Amino acid sequence: MNAKELKDLQAPLKQQYKDLPESAILTLKAVGNLGQEISCKIDTGKAILEAGLHPASGGDGLLLCSGEMLLEALVACSGVTLKAVATALEIEILSGTIKAEGDLDFKGTLGVSKEVPVGFKNIRLDFEMKTGAGEEKLVSLKKLTDRYCVVFQTLLNGVNVESSIRTIK
């Protein structure tokens, strides 16, 4: 896809969102079903994924780790965003790799220490690309990728999260 094709593809959507702002607000959903032992099965629409305990919290390493899935979502979102921005800016990327790493202290999640917070302390996102683009274009590419990546912005700025529990019959 080139810049014109991307612009042509997105132009009607942008116009619709300007004319009918409420049409731009969607609710994305994920559903999981409790699995055997300590696991949860997530139907992605493409495959059923099964998450379980990370080995550092007692898992055997055979099931997906939800913390790693969060990092994978960050990599996926930033990769798609980077490609869209590069296309719009007409930056040719010959190949590339995106890596996300996060530091987690399992003393928090296992309740060993109430002083240790549960969750990632730091997340690092690294892009390596083969491109002929100059430094100025790469700075712009990085800035716009960070700005428009949904997962990156959600992690960076935080979001209100509500939780509920109820029984069913």
C-alpha atoms as a PDB file:
ATOM      1  CA  MET A   1       0.000   0.000   0.000  1.00  0.00           C
ATOM      2  CA  ASN A   2       1.264   3.470  -0.790  1.00  0.00           C
ATOM      3  CA  ALA A   3       0.492   6.851   0.830  1.00  0.00           C
ATOM      4  CA  LYS A   4      -2.295   7.699  -1.657  1.00  0.00           C
ATOM      5  CA  GLU A   5      -3.998   4.317  -1.203  1.00  0.00           C
ATOM      6  CA  LEU A   6      -3.856   4.705   2.589  1.00  0.00           C
ATOM      7  CA  LYS A   7      -5.216   8.249   2.399  1.00  0.00           C
ATOM      8  CA  ASP A   8      -8.014   7.138   0.049  1.00  0.00           C
ATOM      9  CA  LEU A   9      -8.851   4.249   2.371  1.00  0.00           C
ATOM     10  CA  GLN A  10      -8.989   6.422   5.502  1.00  0.00           C
ATOM     11  CA  ALA A  11     -10.498   9.622   4.018  1.00  0.00           C
ATOM     12  CA  PRO A  12     -14.143   8.457   4.182  1.00  0.00           C
ATOM     13  CA  LEU A  13     -13.668   7.302   7.764  1.00  0.00           C
ATOM     14  CA  LYS A  14     -12.072  10.610   8.791  1.00  0.00           C
ATOM     15  CA  GLN A  15     -14.921  12.529   7.150  1.00  0.00           C
ATOM     16  CA  GLN A  16     -17.525  10.326   8.833  1.00  0.00           C
ATOM     17  CA  TYR A  17     -15.884  10.880  12.231  1.00  0.00           C
ATOM     18  CA  LYS A  18     -15.900  14.650  11.647  1.00  0.00           C
ATOM     19  CA  ASP A  19     -19.541  14.659  10.528  1.00  0.00           C
ATOM     20  CA  LEU A  20     -20.769  12.136  13.099  1.00  0.00           C
ATOM     21  CA  PRO A  21     -18.306  12.206  16.016  1.00  0.00           C
ATOM     22  CA  GLU A  22     -20.256   9.564  17.941  1.00  0.00           C
ATOM     23  CA  SER A  23     -19.624   7.035  15.132  1.00  0.00           C
ATOM     24  CA  ALA A  24     -15.913   7.048  16.003  1.00  0.00           C
ATOM     25  CA  ILE A  25     -16.544   5.642  19.490  1.00  0.00           C
ATOM     26  CA  LEU A  26     -16.423   1.862  19.544  1.00  0.00           C
ATOM     27  CA  THR A  27     -16.251  -0.649  22.351  1.00  0.00           C
ATOM     28  CA  LEU A  28     -13.628  -3.305  21.693  1.00  0.00           C
ATOM     29  CA  LYS A  29     -14.140  -6.546  23.596  1.00  0.00           C
ATOM     30  CA  ALA A  30     -12.247  -9.578  24.776  1.00  0.00           C
ATOM     31  CA  VAL A  31     -13.827 -12.650  26.372  1.00  0.00           C
ATOM     32  CA  GLY A  32     -12.184 -15.451  28.273  1.00  0.00           C
ATOM     33  CA  ASN A  33     -13.484 -18.680  29.734  1.00  0.00           C
ATOM     34  CA  LEU A  34     -11.970 -20.234  32.811  1.00  0.00           C
ATOM     35  CA  GLY A  35      -9.988 -23.301  31.813  1.00  0.00           C
ATOM     36  CA  GLN A  36      -8.746 -26.367  33.605  1.00  0.00           C
ATOM     37  CA  GLU A  37      -6.388 -25.944  36.527  1.00  0.00           C
ATOM     38  CA  ILE A  38      -5.257 -22.293  36.715  1.00  0.00           C
ATOM     39  CA  SER A  39      -5.877 -21.028  33.191  1.00  0.00           C
ATOM     40  CA  CYS A  40      -8.116 -18.829  31.082  1.00  0.00           C
ATOM     41  CA  LYS A  41      -9.013 -19.429  27.425  1.00  0.00           C
ATOM     42  CA  ILE A  42      -9.320 -16.364  25.212  1.00  0.00           C
ATOM     43  CA  ASP A  43     -11.099 -16.618  21.864  1.00  0.00           C
ATOM     44  CA  THR A  44      -9.396 -14.108  19.558  1.00  0.00           C
ATOM     45  CA  GLY A  45     -11.644 -14.872  16.601  1.00  0.00           C
ATOM     46  CA  LYS A  46      -8.577 -16.309  14.860  1.00  0.00           C
ATOM     47  CA  ALA A  47      -7.481 -18.836  17.461  1.00  0.00           C
ATOM     48  CA  ILE A  48      -8.153 -19.821  21.050  1.00  0.00           C
ATOM     49  CA  LEU A  49      -5.299 -18.821  23.325  1.00  0.00           C
ATOM     50  CA  GLU A  50      -4.809 -20.269  26.781  1.00  0.00           C
ATOM     51  CA  ALA A  51      -3.085 -18.232  29.450  1.00  0.00           C
ATOM     52  CA  GLY A  52      -1.759 -19.536  32.724  1.00  0.00           C
ATOM     53  CA  LEU A  53       0.759 -18.838  35.432  1.00  0.00           C
ATOM     54  CA  HIS A  54       4.230 -17.636  34.481  1.00  0.00           C
ATOM     55  CA  PRO A  55       6.972 -19.983  35.773  1.00  0.00           C
ATOM     56  CA  ALA A  56       8.051 -17.237  38.211  1.00  0.00           C
ATOM     57  CA  SER A  57       4.626 -17.578  39.870  1.00  0.00           C
ATOM     58  CA  GLY A  58       4.356 -21.377  39.765  1.00  0.00           C
ATOM     59  CA  GLY A  59       3.444 -22.128  36.151  1.00  0.00           C
ATOM     60  CA  ASP A  60       5.068 -24.780  34.007  1.00  0.00           C
ATOM     61  CA  GLY A  61       5.699 -22.437  31.068  1.00  0.00           C
ATOM     62  CA  LEU A  62       3.398 -24.355  28.699  1.00  0.00           C
ATOM     63  CA  LEU A  63       0.655 -21.713  28.704  1.00  0.00           C
ATOM     64  CA  LEU A  64       0.792 -18.085  27.599  1.00  0.00           C
ATOM     65  CA  CYS A  65       1.659 -15.436  30.163  1.00  0.00           C
ATOM     66  CA  SER A  66      -0.776 -12.515  30.279  1.00  0.00           C
ATOM     67  CA  GLY A  67       2.077 -10.105  31.057  1.00  0.00           C
ATOM     68  CA  GLU A  68       3.869 -11.228  27.919  1.00  0.00           C
ATOM     69  CA  MET A  69       0.568 -10.919  26.009  1.00  0.00           C
ATOM     70  CA  LEU A  70       0.394  -7.281  27.131  1.00  0.00           C
ATOM     71  CA  LEU A  71       3.886  -6.705  25.720  1.00  0.00           C
ATOM     72  CA  GLU A  72       2.884  -8.554  22.548  1.00  0.00           C
ATOM     73  CA  ALA A  73      -0.150  -6.259  22.188  1.00  0.00           C
ATOM     74  CA  LEU A  74       2.186  -3.276  22.522  1.00  0.00           C
ATOM     75  CA  VAL A  75       4.510  -4.698  19.842  1.00  0.00           C
ATOM     76  CA  ALA A  76       1.589  -5.498  17.511  1.00  0.00           C
ATOM     77  CA  CYS A  77      -0.069  -2.099  17.900  1.00  0.00           C
ATOM     78  CA  SER A  78       3.135  -0.111  17.573  1.00  0.00           C
ATOM     79  CA  GLY A  79       4.206  -2.200  14.575  1.00  0.00           C
ATOM     80  CA  VAL A  80       0.932  -1.616  12.722  1.00  0.00           C
ATOM     81  CA  THR A  81       0.986   2.076  13.675  1.00  0.00           C
ATOM     82  CA  LEU A  82       4.614   2.447  12.564  1.00  0.00           C
ATOM     83  CA  LYS A  83       3.833   0.858   9.180  1.00  0.00           C
ATOM     84  CA  ALA A  84       0.782   3.121   8.691  1.00  0.00           C
ATOM     85  CA  VAL A  85       2.750   6.250   9.630  1.00  0.00           C
ATOM     86  CA  ALA A  86       5.692   5.193   7.434  1.00  0.00           C
ATOM     87  CA  THR A  87       3.286   4.654   4.545  1.00  0.00           C
ATOM     88  CA  ALA A  88       1.673   8.072   5.056  1.00  0.00           C
ATOM     89  CA  LEU A  89       5.099   9.761   5.260  1.00  0.00           C
ATOM     90  CA  GLU A  90       6.365   7.744   2.282  1.00  0.00           C
ATOM     91  CA  ILE A  91       9.197   6.214   4.287  1.00  0.00           C
ATOM     92  CA  GLU A  92      10.306   2.908   2.822  1.00  0.00           C
ATOM     93  CA  ILE A  93      11.046   0.271   5.447  1.00  0.00           C
ATOM     94  CA  LEU A  94      12.802  -2.762   4.018  1.00  0.00           C
ATOM     95  CA  SER A  95      12.601  -4.837   7.202  1.00  0.00           C
ATOM     96  CA  GLY A  96      12.270  -4.323  10.910  1.00  0.00           C
ATOM     97  CA  THR A  97      11.918  -5.804  14.358  1.00  0.00           C
ATOM     98  CA  ILE A  98      10.056  -4.424  17.344  1.00  0.00           C
ATOM     99  CA  LYS A  99      10.909  -5.572  20.852  1.00  0.00           C
ATOM    100  CA  ALA A 100       9.132  -4.844  24.107  1.00  0.00           C
ATOM    101  CA  GLU A 101      10.611  -5.713  27.487  1.00  0.00           C
ATOM    102  CA  GLY A 102       9.052  -5.143  30.868  1.00  0.00           C
ATOM    103  CA  ASP A 103      10.447  -5.410  34.377  1.00  0.00           C
ATOM    104  CA  LEU A 104       8.189  -7.176  36.853  1.00  0.00           C
ATOM    105  CA  ASP A 105       8.892  -7.968  40.513  1.00  0.00           C
ATOM    106  CA  PHE A 106       7.021 -11.179  41.324  1.00  0.00           C
ATOM    107  CA  LYS A 107       7.191 -10.481  45.065  1.00  0.00           C
ATOM    108  CA  GLY A 108       4.267  -8.117  44.443  1.00  0.00           C
ATOM    109  CA  THR A 109       2.045 -10.446  42.434  1.00  0.00           C
ATOM    110  CA  LEU A 110       2.676 -13.348  44.819  1.00  0.00           C
ATOM    111  CA  GLY A 111       1.936 -11.219  47.886  1.00  0.00           C
ATOM    112  CA  VAL A 112       5.407 -11.772  49.350  1.00  0.00           C
ATOM    113  CA  SER A 113       5.833  -8.034  49.953  1.00  0.00           C
ATOM    114  CA  LYS A 114       3.040  -5.472  50.268  1.00  0.00           C
ATOM    115  CA  GLU A 115       5.616  -2.738  49.520  1.00  0.00           C
ATOM    116  CA  VAL A 116       6.300  -4.136  46.036  1.00  0.00           C
ATOM    117  CA  PRO A 117       3.695  -2.949  43.522  1.00  0.00           C
ATOM    118  CA  VAL A 118       1.909  -5.490  41.347  1.00  0.00           C
ATOM    119  CA  GLY A 119       2.571  -4.934  37.656  1.00  0.00           C
ATOM    120  CA  PHE A 120       5.331  -3.746  35.395  1.00  0.00           C
ATOM    121  CA  LYS A 121       7.731  -1.182  36.845  1.00  0.00           C
ATOM    122  CA  ASN A 122       9.257  -0.269  33.470  1.00  0.00           C
ATOM    123  CA  ILE A 123       8.537  -1.119  29.848  1.00  0.00           C
ATOM    124  CA  ARG A 124      11.003  -0.529  27.021  1.00  0.00           C
ATOM    125  CA  LEU A 125       9.965  -0.482  23.369  1.00  0.00           C
ATOM    126  CA  ASP A 126      12.701  -0.749  20.744  1.00  0.00           C
ATOM    127  CA  PHE A 127      12.424  -0.446  16.959  1.00  0.00           C
ATOM    128  CA  GLU A 128      15.181  -1.720  14.656  1.00  0.00           C
ATOM    129  CA  MET A 129      14.677  -1.083  10.960  1.00  0.00           C
ATOM    130  CA  LYS A 130      16.449  -1.325   7.667  1.00  0.00           C
ATOM    131  CA  THR A 131      15.543   1.899   5.863  1.00  0.00           C
ATOM    132  CA  GLY A 132      17.130   4.622   3.794  1.00  0.00           C
ATOM    133  CA  ALA A 133      15.263   7.314   5.740  1.00  0.00           C
ATOM    134  CA  GLY A 134      17.356  10.041   7.330  1.00  0.00           C
ATOM    135  CA  GLU A 135      17.484  10.904  11.021  1.00  0.00           C
ATOM    136  CA  GLU A 136      14.906  13.704  10.742  1.00  0.00           C
ATOM    137  CA  LYS A 137      12.332  11.388   9.121  1.00  0.00           C
ATOM    138  CA  LEU A 138      13.018   8.672  11.712  1.00  0.00           C
ATOM    139  CA  VAL A 139      12.465  11.132  14.581  1.00  0.00           C
ATOM    140  CA  SER A 140       9.138  12.105  13.022  1.00  0.00           C
ATOM    141  CA  LEU A 141       8.231   8.442  12.452  1.00  0.00           C
ATOM    142  CA  LYS A 142       8.940   7.580  16.096  1.00  0.00           C
ATOM    143  CA  LYS A 143       7.070  10.621  17.429  1.00  0.00           C
ATOM    144  CA  LEU A 144       3.957   9.918  15.347  1.00  0.00           C
ATOM    145  CA  THR A 145       4.051   6.173  16.059  1.00  0.00           C
ATOM    146  CA  ASP A 146       4.133   6.859  19.796  1.00  0.00           C
ATOM    147  CA  ARG A 147       1.381   9.466  19.441  1.00  0.00           C
ATOM    148  CA  TYR A 148      -1.075   7.279  17.502  1.00  0.00           C
ATOM    149  CA  CYS A 149      -0.432   3.815  18.974  1.00  0.00           C
ATOM    150  CA  VAL A 150      -3.477   2.967  21.108  1.00  0.00           C
ATOM    151  CA  VAL A 151      -1.697   0.483  23.389  1.00  0.00           C
ATOM    152  CA  PHE A 152       1.360   2.729  23.865  1.00  0.00           C
ATOM    153  CA  GLN A 153      -0.815   5.718  24.790  1.00  0.00           C
ATOM    154  CA  THR A 154      -3.007   3.629  27.106  1.00  0.00           C
ATOM    155  CA  LEU A 155       0.039   2.347  28.992  1.00  0.00           C
ATOM    156  CA  LEU A 156       1.710   5.752  29.005  1.00  0.00           C
ATOM    157  CA  ASN A 157      -1.301   7.735  30.233  1.00  0.00           C
ATOM    158  CA  GLY A 158      -3.195   5.103  32.187  1.00  0.00           C
ATOM    159  CA  VAL A 159      -6.913   4.515  31.977  1.00  0.00           C
ATOM    160  CA  ASN A 160      -9.796   4.103  34.374  1.00  0.00           C
ATOM    161  CA  VAL A 161     -10.407   0.379  34.883  1.00  0.00           C
ATOM    162  CA  GLU A 162     -13.512  -0.937  36.620  1.00  0.00           C
ATOM    163  CA  SER A 163     -14.007  -4.481  37.862  1.00  0.00           C
ATOM    164  CA  SER A 164     -17.116  -6.397  38.932  1.00  0.00           C
ATOM    165  CA  ILE A 165     -17.986  -9.938  39.954  1.00  0.00           C
ATOM    166  CA  ARG A 166     -21.326 -11.716  40.079  1.00  0.00           C
ATOM    167  CA  THR A 167     -22.732 -15.229  40.140  1.00  0.00           C
ATOM    168  CA  ILE A 168     -24.783 -16.755  37.348  1.00  0.00           C
ATOM    169  CA  LYS A 169     -27.219 -19.649  37.322  1.00  0.00           C
END
